Amino acid sequence: MSNRIHSFDYIRALAILIIVACHYLEFSGVNVGLGRYLGLAGNMMFFLLSALLYGKSFAREKSAWGGQIINVWQFGRKRVLRLGASLWPFLIIVTILYLIFGITFSWLNVGMNFLFLGYLFRIPGNEHLWFLTVLMACYAIYVLIARLSFNNNWFPRIFLALMLSLMVLAEMFGIPGNAFAIIGFFAFVLMKAEWFMKEAKGINLWGYLGIVLLNIVCALLLANGLFEQSRIAAFLLSDICGCLLLALLLGLMPEKENKIVAWVSGISFEIYLVHHTLCVGPFIRITSWEYNNLFQFILIVLLSIVIAQVLHLVSNRINIKLNSILVI
């Protein structure tokens, strides 16, 4: 814990609140476009925080990207159990609620979500689990990049350009393609973590103003229908905004520990899992508050935190038990 980057806790805690706000705005009808901007930018921040953490774990020399030794089984087991220990009990509870309330669902889709394939197999009120499919793809990219030799300074840029091109092509053929863009930015920041952190810390006042202005323009465009007019433009602009917003926050957030912020950051994954069900879908009636949107949003945030904390405690016990069984 002595090597913990406290500024990351502040950003992660802020990012999860942005995600909750995203789904509330999108599905409550307050402003769908603004909700999509927050979701695209907020999710990008989450992915890139992971990229920075993994990127900073490597040796600092330029040659360090050649042939890093990673125990694939150990790394994969740790990641799968960490995520699954929260996801699996959550899915079991959701499935039970589906049965109790007579909500139509696909057993196949639920099963595929247990395998982190929510991007391809959606379940009612929990379509946000696409995040885990893309996150697993990012972990695979991390292992590949770390084990192979990519010392060419141009490779991160080439890979990013390739992924953005695939995103554009996928969208042109009617296939949801933003996952390619996320993987591209993840890989770029992973390989350029030290450079990204240095540049973020060196942003001047004009840089801050430019980033804020660009994000305001992006939010206004999506709030006024950019997503309906061009998904490709919306994805590109929002993803770039999320990347730049992360850089801005890295330069502004304090390095001093805050226990409340660290706590929210520590259960941010569980908040991500549970909040969507309270914002949309078959269980929205739980948080319905027709008289005041602000109170409804606050209620969703508070319920998400309480349920997430319980799930986090359960997750820790499951994770310890599974690791003790599978340890080699």
Protein backbone atom coordinates (compact mmCIF):
# COMPACT_ATOMS: atom_id res chain seq x y z
CA MET A 1 0.00 0.00 0.00
CA SER A 2 3.00 2.31 0.41
CA ASN A 3 3.20 2.50 -3.39
CA ARG A 4 -0.49 3.40 -3.76
CA ILE A 5 -1.13 6.37 -6.02
CA HIS A 6 -3.69 8.36 -4.05
CA SER A 7 -4.57 10.65 -6.95
CA PHE A 8 -5.88 7.56 -8.76
CA ASP A 9 -8.33 6.99 -5.90
CA TYR A 10 -9.80 10.46 -6.37
CA ILE A 11 -10.14 9.94 -10.12
CA ARG A 12 -11.66 6.48 -9.76
CA ALA A 13 -14.18 7.72 -7.19
CA LEU A 14 -15.11 10.63 -9.46
CA ALA A 15 -15.31 8.37 -12.51
CA ILE A 16 -17.78 5.98 -10.87
CA LEU A 17 -20.04 8.89 -9.92
CA ILE A 18 -19.83 10.05 -13.54
CA ILE A 19 -20.90 6.58 -14.69
CA VAL A 20 -23.86 6.52 -12.29
CA ALA A 21 -24.86 10.01 -13.49
CA CYS A 22 -24.50 8.81 -17.07
CA HIS A 23 -27.01 6.01 -16.71
CA TYR A 24 -29.37 8.10 -14.63
CA LEU A 25 -29.45 10.89 -17.23
CA GLU A 26 -29.70 8.44 -20.09
CA PHE A 27 -32.51 6.27 -18.77
CA SER A 28 -34.51 8.74 -16.69
CA GLY A 29 -35.12 10.86 -19.77
CA VAL A 30 -33.43 13.94 -18.31
CA ASN A 31 -30.95 14.11 -21.19
CA VAL A 32 -29.97 10.98 -23.11
CA GLY A 33 -27.20 12.65 -25.12
CA LEU A 34 -25.50 14.17 -22.08
CA GLY A 35 -25.69 10.80 -20.36
CA ARG A 36 -23.94 9.17 -23.31
CA TYR A 37 -21.14 11.74 -23.19
CA LEU A 38 -20.58 11.04 -19.49
CA GLY A 39 -20.68 7.30 -20.09
CA LEU A 40 -18.22 7.29 -22.98
CA ALA A 41 -15.77 9.65 -21.27
CA GLY A 42 -16.15 8.04 -17.84
CA ASN A 43 -15.64 4.50 -19.09
CA MET A 44 -12.56 5.58 -21.00
CA MET A 45 -11.12 7.03 -17.79
CA PHE A 46 -11.65 3.70 -16.00
CA PHE A 47 -9.89 1.70 -18.71
CA LEU A 48 -6.98 4.13 -18.94
CA LEU A 49 -6.45 4.16 -15.17
CA SER A 50 -5.88 0.40 -15.40
CA ALA A 51 -3.53 0.96 -18.35
CA LEU A 52 -1.49 3.46 -16.32
CA LEU A 53 -1.26 1.14 -13.33
CA TYR A 54 -0.01 -1.76 -15.44
CA GLY A 55 2.25 0.46 -17.54
CA LYS A 56 3.94 1.92 -14.47
CA SER A 57 4.66 -1.56 -13.13
CA PHE A 58 7.22 -2.17 -15.87
CA ALA A 59 10.86 -1.14 -15.73
CA ARG A 60 11.41 2.45 -16.74
CA GLU A 61 13.96 1.97 -19.56
CA LYS A 62 12.83 2.13 -23.17
CA SER A 63 14.08 -1.40 -23.69
CA ALA A 64 11.89 -2.69 -20.88
CA TRP A 65 9.10 -3.60 -23.28
CA GLY A 66 11.08 -6.50 -24.68
CA GLY A 67 10.05 -9.93 -23.36
CA GLN A 68 8.67 -9.16 -19.92
CA ILE A 69 8.12 -12.42 -18.10
CA ILE A 70 4.53 -12.87 -16.98
CA ASN A 71 3.05 -16.00 -15.49
CA VAL A 72 -0.07 -16.07 -17.67
CA TRP A 73 -1.89 -18.59 -15.50
CA GLN A 74 -1.20 -16.65 -12.31
CA PHE A 75 -2.13 -13.31 -13.86
CA GLY A 76 -5.29 -14.66 -15.50
CA ARG A 77 -6.42 -16.50 -12.39
CA LYS A 78 -5.97 -13.41 -10.24
CA ARG A 79 -7.91 -11.17 -12.61
CA VAL A 80 -10.73 -13.65 -13.26
CA LEU A 81 -11.22 -14.40 -9.57
CA ARG A 82 -11.04 -10.75 -8.56
CA LEU A 83 -13.76 -9.78 -11.04
CA GLY A 84 -15.74 -13.01 -10.82
CA ALA A 85 -15.93 -12.97 -7.02
CA SER A 86 -18.14 -9.87 -7.35
CA LEU A 87 -19.77 -10.61 -10.70
CA TRP A 88 -20.92 -14.18 -10.04
CA PRO A 89 -22.89 -13.57 -6.81
CA PHE A 90 -24.34 -10.44 -8.42
CA LEU A 91 -25.55 -12.46 -11.42
CA ILE A 92 -27.01 -15.15 -9.16
CA ILE A 93 -29.01 -12.55 -7.23
CA VAL A 94 -30.17 -10.84 -10.43
CA THR A 95 -31.27 -14.18 -11.92
CA ILE A 96 -33.25 -15.00 -8.76
CA LEU A 97 -34.95 -11.60 -8.98
CA TYR A 98 -35.80 -12.25 -12.64
CA LEU A 99 -37.51 -15.49 -11.62
CA ILE A 100 -39.34 -13.95 -8.64
CA PHE A 101 -40.70 -11.00 -10.62
CA GLY A 102 -41.41 -12.98 -13.77
CA ILE A 103 -38.97 -11.06 -15.96
CA THR A 104 -38.23 -12.66 -19.32
CA PHE A 105 -34.55 -13.44 -19.84
CA SER A 106 -32.29 -15.87 -21.68
CA TRP A 107 -30.50 -18.56 -19.67
CA LEU A 108 -27.86 -18.67 -22.39
CA ASN A 109 -27.19 -14.95 -22.06
CA VAL A 110 -26.93 -15.20 -18.28
CA GLY A 111 -24.49 -18.09 -18.64
CA MET A 112 -22.36 -16.15 -21.11
CA ASN A 113 -22.22 -13.24 -18.66
CA PHE A 114 -20.71 -15.62 -16.09
CA LEU A 115 -17.94 -16.02 -18.68
CA PHE A 116 -17.51 -12.22 -19.02
CA LEU A 117 -19.20 -12.14 -22.45
CA GLY A 118 -21.79 -9.46 -21.71
CA TYR A 119 -20.69 -7.45 -24.76
CA LEU A 120 -22.21 -10.12 -26.98
CA PHE A 121 -24.96 -11.48 -24.71
CA ARG A 122 -27.10 -8.83 -23.00
CA ILE A 123 -29.46 -9.43 -20.05
CA PRO A 124 -32.38 -7.19 -18.98
CA GLY A 125 -31.36 -4.11 -17.00
CA ASN A 126 -27.69 -5.09 -16.97
CA GLU A 127 -26.50 -4.29 -20.46
CA HIS A 128 -23.57 -2.43 -18.88
CA LEU A 129 -21.76 -5.73 -18.34
CA TRP A 130 -20.26 -5.25 -21.82
CA PHE A 131 -17.53 -3.51 -19.84
CA LEU A 132 -16.15 -6.83 -18.58
CA THR A 133 -15.75 -8.33 -22.04
CA VAL A 134 -13.70 -5.35 -23.17
CA LEU A 135 -11.72 -5.35 -19.91
CA MET A 136 -10.77 -8.99 -20.45
CA ALA A 137 -9.66 -8.13 -23.99
CA CYS A 138 -7.50 -5.34 -22.53
CA TYR A 139 -5.91 -7.80 -20.09
CA ALA A 140 -5.11 -10.10 -23.02
CA ILE A 141 -3.52 -7.18 -24.89
CA TYR A 142 -1.50 -6.36 -21.76
CA VAL A 143 -0.10 -9.90 -21.54
CA LEU A 144 0.69 -9.97 -25.27
CA ILE A 145 2.47 -6.61 -25.28
CA ALA A 146 4.41 -7.40 -22.12
CA ARG A 147 5.68 -10.75 -23.38
CA LEU A 148 6.65 -9.63 -26.87
CA SER A 149 9.28 -7.13 -27.94
CA PHE A 150 7.77 -3.80 -28.98
CA ASN A 151 10.63 -1.35 -28.64
CA ASN A 152 9.65 0.76 -31.65
CA ASN A 153 8.35 4.14 -30.47
CA TRP A 154 5.94 4.19 -33.38
CA PHE A 155 4.20 0.94 -32.47
CA PRO A 156 1.80 2.46 -29.85
CA ARG A 157 0.67 5.06 -32.40
CA ILE A 158 0.31 2.48 -35.18
CA PHE A 159 -1.69 0.15 -32.94
CA LEU A 160 -3.98 2.98 -31.84
CA ALA A 161 -4.56 4.04 -35.44
CA LEU A 162 -5.33 0.42 -36.39
CA MET A 163 -7.89 0.03 -33.59
CA LEU A 164 -9.57 3.33 -34.45
CA SER A 165 -9.77 2.22 -38.08
CA LEU A 166 -11.39 -1.06 -37.00
CA MET A 167 -13.88 0.91 -34.92
CA VAL A 168 -14.83 3.01 -37.94
CA LEU A 169 -15.17 -0.07 -40.18
CA ALA A 170 -17.26 -1.94 -37.62
CA GLU A 171 -19.64 0.99 -37.22
CA MET A 172 -19.94 1.35 -40.99
CA PHE A 173 -21.13 -2.26 -41.15
CA GLY A 174 -23.56 -1.82 -38.27
CA ILE A 175 -21.41 -3.57 -35.67
CA PRO A 176 -20.89 -1.88 -32.25
CA GLY A 177 -17.25 -0.88 -32.61
CA ASN A 178 -16.24 1.35 -29.71
CA ALA A 179 -14.57 -1.64 -28.03
CA PHE A 180 -11.79 -1.38 -30.65
CA ALA A 181 -11.20 2.28 -29.77
CA ILE A 182 -11.07 1.47 -26.06
CA ILE A 183 -8.55 -1.33 -26.64
CA GLY A 184 -6.46 1.01 -28.81
CA PHE A 185 -6.31 3.78 -26.22
CA PHE A 186 -5.67 1.22 -23.47
CA ALA A 187 -2.68 -0.23 -25.33
CA PHE A 188 -1.33 3.22 -26.20
CA VAL A 189 -1.46 4.48 -22.60
CA LEU A 190 -0.13 1.14 -21.33
CA MET A 191 2.99 1.42 -23.50
CA LYS A 192 3.37 5.17 -22.95
CA ALA A 193 2.45 5.28 -19.26
CA GLU A 194 5.51 7.19 -18.08
CA TRP A 195 5.21 9.67 -20.94
CA PHE A 196 1.46 10.10 -20.31
CA MET A 197 1.98 10.79 -16.59
CA LYS A 198 4.78 13.25 -17.30
CA GLU A 199 2.75 15.14 -19.90
CA ALA A 200 -0.29 15.20 -17.62
CA LYS A 201 1.72 16.75 -14.81
CA GLY A 202 3.12 19.36 -17.22
CA ILE A 203 -0.17 20.71 -18.62
CA ASN A 204 -0.28 24.48 -18.34
CA LEU A 205 -3.27 26.78 -17.83
CA TRP A 206 -4.00 27.03 -21.56
CA GLY A 207 -3.93 23.25 -21.80
CA TYR A 208 -6.44 22.95 -18.98
CA LEU A 209 -8.72 25.51 -20.61
CA GLY A 210 -8.46 23.71 -23.96
CA ILE A 211 -9.38 20.35 -22.42
CA VAL A 212 -12.32 21.84 -20.53
CA LEU A 213 -13.55 23.65 -23.64
CA LEU A 214 -13.28 20.51 -25.79
CA ASN A 215 -15.25 18.49 -23.21
CA ILE A 216 -17.94 21.18 -23.03
CA VAL A 217 -18.25 21.18 -26.82
CA CYS A 218 -18.43 17.38 -26.86
CA ALA A 219 -21.10 17.35 -24.14
CA LEU A 220 -23.18 19.95 -25.99
CA LEU A 221 -22.90 18.09 -29.28
CA LEU A 222 -24.02 14.80 -27.77
CA ALA A 223 -26.74 16.50 -25.76
CA ASN A 224 -28.07 17.87 -29.06
CA GLY A 225 -28.07 14.64 -31.02
CA LEU A 226 -24.54 13.99 -32.31
CA PHE A 227 -24.83 10.31 -31.37
CA GLU A 228 -27.89 9.90 -33.58
CA GLN A 229 -26.28 11.80 -36.45
CA SER A 230 -22.90 10.02 -36.34
CA ARG A 231 -21.96 7.30 -33.87
CA ILE A 232 -18.40 7.29 -35.26
CA ALA A 233 -17.89 11.01 -34.59
CA ALA A 234 -19.49 10.68 -31.16
CA PHE A 235 -17.20 7.78 -30.21
CA LEU A 236 -14.03 9.43 -31.50
CA LEU A 237 -14.70 12.77 -29.84
CA SER A 238 -15.90 11.32 -26.53
CA ASP A 239 -13.01 8.83 -26.28
CA ILE A 240 -10.47 11.59 -26.89
CA CYS A 241 -12.24 13.76 -24.33
CA GLY A 242 -12.11 10.96 -21.76
CA CYS A 243 -8.39 10.51 -22.37
CA LEU A 244 -7.70 14.24 -22.06
CA LEU A 245 -9.97 14.59 -19.04
CA LEU A 246 -7.96 11.88 -17.29
CA ALA A 247 -4.76 13.78 -18.08
CA LEU A 248 -6.28 16.97 -16.67
CA LEU A 249 -7.36 15.25 -13.45
CA LEU A 250 -3.94 13.63 -12.99
CA GLY A 251 -2.50 17.12 -12.81
CA LEU A 252 -5.14 18.43 -10.41
CA MET A 253 -5.94 15.67 -7.95
CA PRO A 254 -4.09 15.68 -4.61
CA GLU A 255 -1.57 13.02 -3.68
CA LYS A 256 -2.71 13.05 -0.06
CA GLU A 257 -4.69 10.04 1.16
CA ASN A 258 -8.38 10.48 1.97
CA LYS A 259 -10.00 7.47 3.64
CA ILE A 260 -13.51 8.17 2.34
CA VAL A 261 -12.26 8.63 -1.21
CA ALA A 262 -10.13 5.48 -0.92
CA TRP A 263 -13.18 3.54 0.34
CA VAL A 264 -15.38 4.66 -2.56
CA SER A 265 -12.54 3.90 -4.97
CA GLY A 266 -12.11 0.45 -3.41
CA ILE A 267 -15.74 -0.52 -4.04
CA SER A 268 -16.01 1.28 -7.40
CA PHE A 269 -16.21 -1.99 -9.33
CA GLU A 270 -19.08 -3.23 -7.18
CA ILE A 271 -20.83 0.15 -7.55
CA TYR A 272 -20.44 -0.24 -11.30
CA LEU A 273 -22.07 -3.68 -11.14
CA VAL A 274 -25.11 -2.80 -9.03
CA HIS A 275 -26.02 0.78 -9.97
CA HIS A 276 -27.31 0.06 -13.48
CA THR A 277 -30.15 -2.12 -12.19
CA LEU A 278 -31.31 0.81 -10.05
CA CYS A 279 -31.19 3.23 -12.99
CA VAL A 280 -32.92 1.24 -15.70
CA GLY A 281 -34.76 -1.92 -16.52
CA PRO A 282 -37.09 -4.11 -14.49
CA PHE A 283 -36.18 -2.71 -11.07
CA ILE A 284 -36.33 1.03 -11.79
CA ARG A 285 -39.49 1.27 -9.67
CA ILE A 286 -37.31 0.83 -6.57
CA THR A 287 -35.75 4.24 -7.06
CA SER A 288 -38.62 6.02 -8.80
CA TRP A 289 -39.09 9.51 -7.41
CA GLU A 290 -41.25 11.50 -9.78
CA TYR A 291 -41.14 14.72 -7.79
CA ASN A 292 -37.43 15.53 -7.78
CA ASN A 293 -34.68 14.31 -10.14
CA LEU A 294 -31.88 15.34 -7.79
CA PHE A 295 -33.32 13.36 -4.87
CA GLN A 296 -33.80 10.35 -7.13
CA PHE A 297 -30.17 10.51 -8.26
CA ILE A 298 -28.94 10.85 -4.67
CA LEU A 299 -31.08 7.85 -3.69
CA ILE A 300 -29.57 5.79 -6.50
CA VAL A 301 -26.03 6.76 -5.45
CA LEU A 302 -26.65 5.93 -1.78
CA LEU A 303 -28.34 2.59 -2.53
CA SER A 304 -25.57 1.68 -4.96
CA ILE A 305 -22.89 2.38 -2.35
CA VAL A 306 -24.66 0.39 0.38
CA ILE A 307 -25.34 -2.63 -1.86
CA ALA A 308 -21.83 -2.41 -3.33
CA GLN A 309 -20.26 -2.48 0.13
CA VAL A 310 -22.16 -5.65 1.01
CA LEU A 311 -21.19 -7.22 -2.31
CA HIS A 312 -17.56 -6.18 -1.75
CA LEU A 313 -17.47 -7.95 1.61
CA VAL A 314 -18.94 -11.10 0.05
CA SER A 315 -16.50 -10.78 -2.84
CA ASN A 316 -13.48 -10.67 -0.55
CA ARG A 317 -14.51 -13.88 1.17
CA ILE A 318 -15.18 -15.65 -2.13
CA ASN A 319 -11.91 -14.42 -3.60
CA ILE A 320 -9.88 -15.69 -0.64
CA LYS A 321 -11.64 -19.05 -0.71
CA LEU A 322 -11.22 -19.56 -4.47
CA ASN A 323 -7.55 -18.49 -4.39
CA SER A 324 -6.85 -20.98 -1.61
CA ILE A 325 -8.42 -23.75 -3.73
CA LEU A 326 -6.73 -22.85 -7.01
CA VAL A 327 -3.30 -21.76 -5.77
CA ILE A 328 -0.40 -23.67 -7.32
